[in-house]
Structure formats: structure tokens, C-alpha cells
Amino acid sequence: MLTAVLAVVGVVLGVLVLGILVVMIRRWVKHYQDALAAQRTQKALNLKRISKAASTVTTCGFSVCLMRYEAFLRHGRLVTHEEALQAGDLVSLHIYDDVLAFVSVYPTVFFSHQWLGFDTPDPNGVHYAAIRDAANTLLTTFNVAGEDLYVWIDYTSIPQRNPTLKELSISSLGVYASVSRYFVVVAPKTLHNDTKQICDELTYQKRGWCRLEQWARISVGGLHNMYVFESDQGGHFLTPLSQKSSQYIHDSIHVFDGQFTVDSDKIKLVDTVLGLYAHALLSHQEGKRDGEVMIIDEIKKNKATIFPTEFFEHLIPLLEESITSMDIRTMMTIRASQLPRELAHMEKAHVPVQTGSSLKDLFLEGKTADGPARRKASFSAVSPATLPEPVAPSLHEDSYLSA
């Protein structure tokens, strides 16, 4: 009798244990399947993020705003975006094709500089004078007519008063730096107005935002038409960045090792850097160019410091794995053999100038390297409007514009 009871108890316990094991296995399988599904979902989201980041280099998140050099001279100082708008001195290009059409006709220059004050970039006019001298040197060196030149300067080209518009504009930094025909670093030796510390080419190169501007240009256009403005007793001259130390390239892509007054600004740059790396990778695969070779070599040697895990996690391996897929490529514009000669530096990274309906509104008359040319583009030169008097923004170096 006892034996029979024990046998029954044994069977019952066996069944219970088996049931528990089955339940545990099912739960484990469900957990495993859920984890795989979560991984697939996260991978899809990350791929979408990478694709969007790649597209920002050839998409206008905010208008490209350029000032005619003659207007820059007339103001006699660096003016805010809002003041330039009120004076009707900005050309606003809203569509990427329009930007390409415009810059293929008119010479444009992106001036990169370090702010000399916490609240304003140039309180004593030092950088205004240097930018003026750099522009005049460029005009003479490349035989460009002053009335044809347009300039991009952060304080003037990026909205100051509206935080939302400012953020949209900053997200388009890759567009601004890459499409300009010339990229000029302006960093004369002087004193910071508030800290009284020396500001020069060395301190410029330490700033995180300044490094990002350089990488944006190099990733798309190599080192072509990139210069550092320098002066000595013999006069003013533009030194090609290609003649500078390789440390320049090393520093420019170590954005997250750069100096930021507000350290949390770094998180805002992750997607921009992702997009720039995507373009560098794709262009490198399609044909080596000077800047791309150096960038890719530097990244191979210093990937952990260039893309800190705390900001990028698994995004970089996924980007490298997916760069040849159509999902990535379709979010990026690829080869552009039809680009005009003035935009040759962007050949492997940008679409040809289109002649669709968005470009038919206005003909831009100008000259190219081959003589007179007509390019279609729609753009708006903002007319004076009834706006509040511009108020100097109180930035306290908490944004890109204080870089």
C-alpha cells in the first residue's frame, strides 16, 4: 500500500516538475522571441535613423542663407540673422536643387571662425576685419568680382532668436559647409573679450563646433578649395589646408574630443556625424580622394575616440554593415557626373542640378569657368518688413553659435 502511494506521489511530482519545466521553457522561448523581435525593431529604427542622418548632408532642414559680400561691407560689422533679414540682405535657398543651381553660378564662401565673446561673436570687430581681408584676398587670388561673391557666416546665416529655427539650421550644417565653393578658416591672434585668453588658430582648432564644420566640408568635398587665412608683414594670403599638418585632419574628425562650453551639446551632433561618416564611406568606396583617404585612415586608427560608445553605441558597426544597401543609398544622393565644373569637389556626393518645376521660377544670370551661363533656380531675397528691433541674444556660449 505504502509503495503504491509513493509511486503515485512520485508520478504526481514528476508530472509537476515536467509541467514546471515546460512552463519555464515556454517562458524562455517567449522571452527569447521577444528579445529577437525587440532587436529587429531596434535595428530597423537604427537603420532608419542612419538613413535620415545620411540624408541631412544633401537635404535642407533649414534654408541656406547667404549675404552678398557688398552688403557685408556696407554693414561694417557682423550682424545677426534677424537684422540681415530686416535689411533685405539675405538670399534664402529653400530646396537643395536650388542651392546647387545658385552656387554653380555665384561664387560662395563659408567662413569658419571661433567666437570672441560669450554673447556676441565679434564684440570688437576683429573677425569682421579679418573676414573682409580674407574675402578681398580670395577675390584677388581667384579673379572673382566682388559684386558676385556671397558669404556664409554663422551669426548672420543661422537664426539667433528662435530656438526651433536655430536647431533646424544647425542640423543642416553639412549642407552649408559642403556646397560653398570656398571654405576659409579665419582665426587671427587676438584676445577673447570675456576670458581675456588668447584666441588663434590653435584655439580655433580645439573647438568642437569648428571641427565639425571642417569635417562636414572634407567628408563631401575633400580638401579642395579649403584654406586658412593668414597674415604677416608681407601681406595677406590663403594657405591651402592640404599644406597644413596632418594633425588638422586628425583634429577635425575628433569632434567629441573638442572643447564645448556646454558638454551636453555633444549629443546634438551624433546624427550629423553619422551622416558625414556615411558620405565619407560611400565616396571612399566609389573612388579615393585626398580628404576621404585621410579621414578613413584616421577613423580606422582612432574609431573608439572618434565615435565614443556613450553617444553612438551600436550605430557605427550597423552603418558600416549597411552602407552598400539600397536603404542607405536611397537616402543619400550619389554620383553626379553632370555637375558644373564649379562644383567638381562634390562630384561623388551630390545629385546633378535638376531642371524640374522647382527651378523654373527665376533665371540666375552669371558666369562660370566656361563663360556666361544661365541656371534655373527659385530663391527669395527677403524684403524689409515690419519686425521688432533685433535684440542681442543672451547665449552665454550655450549653442553652436558660440563655438
Protein backbone atom coordinates (compact mmCIF):
# COMPACT_ATOMS: atom_id res chain seq x y z
CA MET A 1 0.00 0.00 0.00
CA LEU A 2 2.75 2.39 1.00
CA THR A 3 4.64 1.50 -2.10
CA ALA A 4 1.65 2.31 -4.25
CA VAL A 5 1.16 5.66 -2.53
CA LEU A 6 4.81 6.55 -3.02
CA ALA A 7 4.56 5.56 -6.65
CA VAL A 8 1.53 7.80 -7.13
CA VAL A 9 3.27 10.66 -5.32
CA GLY A 10 6.33 10.11 -7.48
CA VAL A 11 4.25 10.24 -10.63
CA VAL A 12 2.46 13.38 -9.46
CA LEU A 13 5.74 15.08 -8.57
CA GLY A 14 7.21 14.02 -11.87
CA VAL A 15 4.24 15.48 -13.72
CA LEU A 16 4.51 18.71 -11.69
CA VAL A 17 8.23 19.02 -12.34
CA LEU A 18 7.68 18.31 -16.03
CA GLY A 19 4.89 20.87 -16.11
CA ILE A 20 7.09 23.44 -14.43
CA LEU A 21 9.90 22.72 -16.90
CA VAL A 22 7.51 23.06 -19.82
CA VAL A 23 6.23 26.39 -18.49
CA MET A 24 9.78 27.61 -17.88
CA ILE A 25 10.89 26.55 -21.35
CA ARG A 26 7.88 28.24 -22.94
CA ARG A 27 8.58 31.41 -21.00
CA TRP A 28 12.23 31.29 -22.01
CA VAL A 29 11.30 30.74 -25.64
CA LYS A 30 8.79 33.60 -25.46
CA HIS A 31 11.37 35.83 -23.81
CA TYR A 32 13.93 34.86 -26.44
CA GLN A 33 11.48 35.52 -29.27
CA ASP A 34 10.51 38.86 -27.74
CA ALA A 35 14.17 39.77 -27.38
CA LEU A 36 14.82 38.89 -31.03
CA ALA A 37 11.78 40.90 -32.08
CA ALA A 38 12.97 43.84 -29.99
CA GLN A 39 16.42 43.57 -31.57
CA ARG A 40 14.90 43.52 -35.05
CA THR A 41 12.73 46.51 -34.19
CA GLN A 42 15.67 48.41 -32.71
CA LYS A 43 17.82 47.57 -35.72
CA ALA A 44 15.10 48.83 -38.05
CA LEU A 45 14.81 52.03 -36.03
CA ASN A 46 18.59 52.48 -36.05
CA LEU A 47 18.72 51.91 -39.81
CA LYS A 48 16.00 54.50 -40.26
CA ARG A 49 17.97 56.89 -38.06
CA ILE A 50 21.16 56.28 -40.05
CA SER A 51 19.33 56.81 -43.34
CA LYS A 52 17.84 60.05 -42.09
CA ALA A 53 21.23 61.19 -40.79
CA ALA A 54 22.82 60.46 -44.15
CA SER A 55 20.16 62.47 -45.94
CA THR A 56 20.83 65.61 -43.88
CA VAL A 57 24.03 66.27 -45.83
CA THR A 58 22.03 66.74 -49.02
CA THR A 59 18.71 67.98 -47.63
CA CYS A 60 17.84 71.48 -46.50
CA GLY A 61 16.43 71.14 -43.00
CA PHE A 62 16.52 74.92 -42.99
CA SER A 63 17.18 77.39 -45.76
CA VAL A 64 20.70 78.15 -46.92
CA CYS A 65 21.01 81.87 -46.15
CA LEU A 66 23.73 83.82 -47.92
CA MET A 67 24.67 87.50 -47.83
CA ARG A 68 26.10 89.36 -50.78
CA TYR A 69 29.62 90.48 -49.98
CA GLU A 70 28.75 94.08 -50.85
CA ALA A 71 26.06 94.03 -48.16
CA PHE A 72 28.56 92.58 -45.69
CA LEU A 73 30.86 95.54 -46.36
CA ARG A 74 28.00 98.01 -46.07
CA HIS A 75 27.12 96.82 -42.56
CA GLY A 76 30.69 97.24 -41.38
CA ARG A 77 30.31 94.55 -38.69
CA LEU A 78 28.92 91.07 -38.16
CA VAL A 79 25.14 91.38 -37.95
CA THR A 80 22.54 88.96 -36.64
CA HIS A 81 20.42 86.84 -38.94
CA GLU A 82 17.36 88.84 -37.94
CA GLU A 83 19.00 92.19 -38.67
CA ALA A 84 20.09 90.97 -42.09
CA LEU A 85 16.55 89.77 -42.78
CA GLN A 86 15.09 93.11 -41.79
CA ALA A 87 17.51 94.90 -44.12
CA GLY A 88 16.63 92.58 -47.01
CA ASP A 89 20.23 91.44 -47.33
CA LEU A 90 19.79 87.65 -47.27
CA VAL A 91 19.21 85.27 -50.15
CA SER A 92 17.32 82.25 -48.83
CA LEU A 93 17.58 79.00 -50.79
CA HIS A 94 14.95 76.54 -49.61
CA ILE A 95 15.40 73.48 -51.87
CA TYR A 96 18.64 71.57 -52.30
CA ASP A 97 18.47 71.67 -56.10
CA ASP A 98 18.05 75.44 -55.85
CA VAL A 99 21.17 75.63 -53.71
CA LEU A 100 23.20 73.70 -56.28
CA ALA A 101 21.84 75.86 -59.09
CA PHE A 102 22.72 79.05 -57.22
CA VAL A 103 26.23 78.09 -56.16
CA SER A 104 27.04 76.81 -59.65
CA VAL A 105 26.59 80.40 -60.88
CA TYR A 106 27.64 82.58 -57.96
CA PRO A 107 30.92 82.16 -56.05
CA THR A 108 30.18 81.46 -52.38
CA VAL A 109 32.45 81.21 -49.36
CA PHE A 110 31.87 79.58 -45.98
CA PHE A 111 33.78 81.44 -43.25
CA SER A 112 34.59 79.31 -40.21
CA HIS A 113 35.65 81.09 -37.03
CA GLN A 114 35.71 80.91 -33.23
CA TRP A 115 33.52 83.26 -31.23
CA LEU A 116 35.37 86.00 -29.36
CA GLY A 117 32.66 86.70 -26.78
CA PHE A 118 30.11 84.84 -24.71
CA ASP A 119 27.11 86.74 -26.10
CA THR A 120 28.38 88.07 -29.42
CA PRO A 121 30.89 86.59 -31.85
CA ASP A 122 32.95 89.68 -32.58
CA PRO A 123 32.49 92.45 -29.98
CA ASN A 124 35.50 94.48 -31.14
CA GLY A 125 35.28 93.90 -34.89
CA VAL A 126 38.45 91.78 -35.08
CA HIS A 127 36.86 88.97 -37.06
CA TYR A 128 34.88 91.33 -39.26
CA ALA A 129 38.14 92.91 -40.40
CA ALA A 130 39.78 89.52 -40.85
CA ILE A 131 36.84 88.16 -42.86
CA ARG A 132 36.90 91.30 -45.01
CA ASP A 133 40.62 90.89 -45.66
CA ALA A 134 40.21 87.17 -46.34
CA ALA A 135 37.40 87.84 -48.81
CA ASN A 136 39.43 90.51 -50.60
CA THR A 137 42.37 88.12 -50.81
CA LEU A 138 40.08 85.46 -52.26
CA LEU A 139 38.70 87.91 -54.81
CA THR A 140 42.20 88.78 -55.97
CA THR A 141 43.56 85.24 -55.89
CA PHE A 142 40.74 83.71 -57.90
CA ASN A 143 39.83 86.73 -60.02
CA VAL A 144 36.30 86.90 -58.61
CA ALA A 145 34.19 90.06 -58.90
CA GLY A 146 33.19 91.46 -55.51
CA GLU A 147 29.62 92.08 -56.62
CA ASP A 148 29.23 88.37 -57.44
CA LEU A 149 30.51 86.97 -54.14
CA TYR A 150 28.15 85.64 -51.45
CA VAL A 151 29.24 84.76 -47.91
CA TRP A 152 28.02 82.34 -45.24
CA ILE A 153 28.78 83.42 -41.66
CA ASP A 154 27.18 81.67 -38.69
CA TYR A 155 25.91 84.77 -36.85
CA THR A 156 24.24 86.07 -40.00
CA SER A 157 23.19 82.86 -41.72
CA ILE A 158 21.74 80.99 -38.72
CA PRO A 159 18.65 82.29 -36.86
CA GLN A 160 19.52 83.70 -33.44
CA ARG A 161 16.25 84.45 -31.70
CA ASN A 162 14.05 81.44 -32.48
CA PRO A 163 15.48 78.28 -30.84
CA THR A 164 13.50 75.94 -33.10
CA LEU A 165 14.72 77.56 -36.29
CA LYS A 166 18.25 77.68 -34.89
CA GLU A 167 18.20 73.93 -34.21
CA LEU A 168 16.87 73.19 -37.72
CA SER A 169 19.59 75.36 -39.20
CA ILE A 170 22.34 73.70 -37.18
CA SER A 171 21.12 70.28 -38.38
CA SER A 172 21.85 71.47 -41.93
CA LEU A 173 25.45 72.38 -41.19
CA GLY A 174 26.68 69.65 -43.52
CA VAL A 175 24.85 71.30 -46.41
CA TYR A 176 26.16 74.77 -45.60
CA ALA A 177 29.81 73.73 -45.37
CA SER A 178 29.82 71.36 -48.33
CA VAL A 179 28.08 73.37 -51.04
CA SER A 180 30.07 76.60 -50.73
CA ARG A 181 32.70 76.90 -53.42
CA TYR A 182 35.31 78.03 -50.90
CA PHE A 183 35.84 77.19 -47.22
CA VAL A 184 38.03 79.64 -45.31
CA VAL A 185 39.20 79.41 -41.70
CA VAL A 186 39.55 82.84 -40.08
CA ALA A 187 41.49 82.74 -36.79
CA PRO A 188 43.71 85.78 -36.27
CA LYS A 189 45.59 86.02 -33.00
CA THR A 190 43.59 88.15 -30.56
CA LEU A 191 42.03 88.07 -27.08
CA HIS A 192 38.67 86.66 -26.09
CA ASN A 193 36.57 89.59 -24.94
CA ASP A 194 35.34 87.90 -21.74
CA THR A 195 38.00 85.39 -20.71
CA LYS A 196 40.93 87.57 -21.88
CA GLN A 197 42.56 84.36 -23.12
CA ILE A 198 44.40 84.22 -26.43
CA CYS A 199 42.32 83.10 -29.40
CA ASP A 200 44.16 81.98 -32.52
CA GLU A 201 44.41 79.14 -34.99
CA LEU A 202 45.31 76.69 -32.21
CA THR A 203 42.32 77.57 -30.03
CA TYR A 204 40.07 77.59 -33.11
CA GLN A 205 41.13 74.04 -33.90
CA LYS A 206 40.23 72.90 -30.38
CA ARG A 207 36.61 73.99 -30.61
CA GLY A 208 34.19 71.11 -31.20
CA TRP A 209 31.85 73.07 -33.46
CA CYS A 210 34.74 74.36 -35.60
CA ARG A 211 35.99 70.79 -36.01
CA LEU A 212 32.53 69.72 -37.15
CA GLU A 213 32.44 72.42 -39.83
CA GLN A 214 35.73 71.18 -41.24
CA TRP A 215 34.64 67.54 -41.23
CA ALA A 216 31.41 68.48 -42.98
CA ARG A 217 33.37 70.03 -45.80
CA ILE A 218 36.07 67.34 -46.03
CA SER A 219 33.57 64.46 -45.97
CA VAL A 220 31.82 65.77 -49.06
CA GLY A 221 34.45 67.76 -50.94
CA GLY A 222 37.83 66.56 -49.74
CA LEU A 223 40.37 69.34 -49.19
CA HIS A 224 39.58 71.10 -52.45
CA ASN A 225 39.25 74.89 -52.03
CA MET A 226 39.77 74.75 -48.25
CA TYR A 227 42.05 77.48 -46.88
CA VAL A 228 43.33 79.09 -43.71
CA PHE A 229 43.55 82.87 -43.90
CA GLU A 230 46.91 84.10 -42.64
CA SER A 231 48.71 87.43 -42.46
CA ASP A 232 52.25 88.63 -41.89
CA GLN A 233 54.30 91.68 -42.71
CA GLY A 234 54.30 90.61 -46.33
CA GLY A 235 50.53 90.81 -46.59
CA HIS A 236 47.52 88.51 -46.58
CA PHE A 237 47.36 85.04 -48.10
CA LEU A 238 45.25 81.89 -48.18
CA THR A 239 47.10 78.74 -47.17
CA PRO A 240 45.56 75.54 -48.61
CA LEU A 241 44.51 73.18 -45.85
CA SER A 242 46.25 70.41 -47.77
CA GLN A 243 49.55 72.11 -46.90
CA LYS A 244 48.82 72.07 -43.19
CA SER A 245 49.92 69.35 -40.82
CA SER A 246 48.03 66.05 -40.87
CA GLN A 247 47.07 66.98 -37.30
CA TYR A 248 44.43 69.25 -38.84
CA ILE A 249 42.60 66.26 -40.27
CA HIS A 250 43.11 64.32 -37.06
CA ASP A 251 41.56 67.12 -35.02
CA SER A 252 38.71 67.89 -37.39
CA ILE A 253 37.17 64.43 -37.09
CA HIS A 254 37.74 64.16 -33.33
CA VAL A 255 34.69 66.32 -32.76
CA PHE A 256 33.75 64.73 -29.45
CA ASP A 257 37.23 65.39 -28.08
CA GLY A 258 36.81 69.07 -28.93
CA GLN A 259 36.00 71.79 -26.43
CA PHE A 260 32.34 72.57 -25.78
CA THR A 261 31.25 75.18 -23.28
CA VAL A 262 28.10 73.13 -22.72
CA ASP A 263 29.10 69.46 -22.76
CA SER A 264 25.54 68.31 -23.42
CA ASP A 265 25.78 69.90 -26.87
CA LYS A 266 27.66 66.79 -27.97
CA ILE A 267 24.51 64.67 -28.05
CA LYS A 268 23.08 67.06 -30.66
CA LEU A 269 25.92 66.19 -33.03
CA VAL A 270 25.55 62.41 -33.15
CA ASP A 271 23.27 62.25 -36.18
CA THR A 272 25.23 64.92 -38.05
CA VAL A 273 28.47 62.98 -37.55
CA LEU A 274 26.70 59.76 -38.60
CA GLY A 275 25.66 61.41 -41.85
CA LEU A 276 29.14 62.75 -42.53
CA TYR A 277 30.72 59.34 -41.92
CA ALA A 278 28.16 57.72 -44.22
CA HIS A 279 29.14 60.06 -47.03
CA ALA A 280 32.84 59.57 -46.42
CA LEU A 281 32.41 55.78 -46.51
CA LEU A 282 30.34 55.77 -49.68
CA SER A 283 32.59 58.22 -51.53
CA HIS A 284 35.66 56.26 -50.42
CA GLN A 285 34.18 53.08 -51.87
CA GLU A 286 33.43 54.76 -55.18
CA GLY A 287 36.82 56.38 -55.66
CA LYS A 288 39.51 57.67 -53.36
CA ARG A 289 40.08 61.41 -52.90
CA ASP A 290 42.60 63.22 -50.74
CA GLY A 291 40.42 64.18 -47.78
CA GLU A 292 38.45 60.92 -47.77
CA VAL A 293 41.59 58.78 -47.67
CA MET A 294 42.90 60.67 -44.67
CA ILE A 295 39.53 60.57 -42.91
CA ILE A 296 39.06 56.83 -43.42
CA ASP A 297 42.64 56.12 -42.32
CA GLU A 298 42.22 58.26 -39.21
CA ILE A 299 38.94 56.56 -38.34
CA LYS A 300 40.45 53.10 -38.70
CA LYS A 301 43.17 54.06 -36.22
CA ASN A 302 41.02 56.03 -33.77
CA LYS A 303 37.45 54.74 -34.10
CA ALA A 304 36.85 54.43 -30.35
CA THR A 305 37.71 58.08 -29.67
CA ILE A 306 36.07 59.48 -32.81
CA PHE A 307 32.78 57.67 -32.09
CA PRO A 308 32.52 57.34 -28.29
CA THR A 309 30.34 54.40 -27.26
CA GLU A 310 28.42 56.56 -24.81
CA PHE A 311 26.99 58.51 -27.76
CA PHE A 312 27.00 56.03 -30.66
CA GLU A 313 26.52 52.59 -29.04
CA HIS A 314 25.96 50.12 -31.93
CA LEU A 315 25.27 52.71 -34.65
CA ILE A 316 28.73 52.71 -36.25
CA PRO A 317 29.01 48.93 -36.87
CA LEU A 318 25.46 48.98 -38.27
CA LEU A 319 26.32 51.89 -40.58
CA GLU A 320 29.44 50.15 -41.87
CA GLU A 321 27.48 46.94 -42.40
CA SER A 322 24.65 48.68 -44.25
CA ILE A 323 26.43 51.35 -46.27
CA THR A 324 26.12 49.45 -49.54
CA SER A 325 22.44 48.64 -49.08
CA MET A 326 19.76 50.44 -51.02
CA ASP A 327 18.13 51.64 -47.81
CA ILE A 328 21.16 53.79 -47.12
CA ARG A 329 21.93 54.74 -50.69
CA THR A 330 18.44 55.92 -51.49
CA MET A 331 18.57 58.36 -48.59
CA MET A 332 21.81 59.77 -49.94
CA THR A 333 22.41 61.32 -53.32
CA ILE A 334 25.12 59.51 -55.21
CA ARG A 335 27.26 60.24 -58.26
CA ALA A 336 26.68 63.45 -60.21
CA SER A 337 28.64 63.43 -63.43
CA GLN A 338 26.57 66.32 -64.79
CA LEU A 339 27.64 68.81 -62.11
CA PRO A 340 29.15 72.04 -63.46
CA ARG A 341 32.88 72.49 -63.08
CA GLU A 342 32.46 74.90 -60.17
CA LEU A 343 31.04 72.07 -58.08
CA ALA A 344 33.54 69.40 -59.06
CA HIS A 345 34.54 68.93 -55.42
CA MET A 346 31.08 67.50 -54.75
CA GLU A 347 31.04 65.07 -57.68
CA LYS A 348 30.62 61.83 -55.79
CA ALA A 349 28.28 63.08 -53.12
CA HIS A 350 25.61 65.19 -54.77
CA VAL A 351 22.87 64.98 -57.34
CA PRO A 352 23.08 66.86 -60.63
CA VAL A 353 21.32 70.20 -60.84
CA GLN A 354 17.77 69.39 -61.84
CA THR A 355 15.62 71.45 -64.17
CA GLY A 356 12.24 70.47 -62.81
CA SER A 357 9.35 72.70 -61.83
CA SER A 358 11.03 73.84 -58.62
CA LEU A 359 13.77 75.54 -60.65
CA LYS A 360 11.75 77.28 -63.31
CA ASP A 361 10.70 80.40 -61.42
CA LEU A 362 13.75 82.53 -61.95
CA PHE A 363 16.82 82.53 -64.15
CA LEU A 364 20.06 83.48 -62.49
CA GLU A 365 22.46 85.25 -64.81
CA GLY A 366 26.13 84.75 -64.09
CA LYS A 367 29.45 83.49 -65.28
CA THR A 368 31.04 80.11 -64.85
CA ALA A 369 34.52 78.94 -65.67
CA ASP A 370 33.33 78.35 -69.22
CA GLY A 371 31.83 81.81 -69.68
CA PRO A 372 28.27 83.13 -69.42
CA ALA A 373 25.77 80.64 -68.13
CA ARG A 374 22.14 80.51 -67.08
CA ARG A 375 20.95 78.29 -64.27
CA LYS A 376 17.37 77.92 -63.17
CA ALA A 377 16.64 78.41 -59.50
CA SER A 378 13.95 79.78 -57.27
CA PHE A 379 15.12 81.81 -54.31
CA SER A 380 13.90 84.64 -52.18
CA ALA A 381 15.71 87.79 -51.19
CA VAL A 382 13.74 88.83 -48.14
CA SER A 383 12.44 92.37 -48.32
CA PRO A 384 12.42 94.73 -45.33
CA ALA A 385 9.42 94.04 -43.15
CA THR A 386 7.88 95.40 -40.03
CA LEU A 387 9.82 93.42 -37.46
CA PRO A 388 10.76 94.13 -33.87
CA GLU A 389 14.16 95.71 -33.40
CA PRO A 390 16.76 92.91 -33.24
CA VAL A 391 17.69 92.06 -29.68
CA ALA A 392 21.16 90.77 -28.95
CA PRO A 393 20.67 87.14 -27.89
CA SER A 394 21.92 86.09 -24.48
CA LEU A 395 23.59 82.84 -25.46
CA HIS A 396 26.28 82.52 -22.79
CA GLU A 397 28.08 80.13 -25.11
CA ASP A 398 25.35 77.51 -24.83
CA SER A 399 24.93 76.79 -28.51
CA TYR A 400 26.71 76.15 -31.77
CA LEU A 401 26.96 79.86 -32.41
CA SER A 402 29.32 80.35 -29.53
CA ALA A 403 31.76 77.82 -30.90
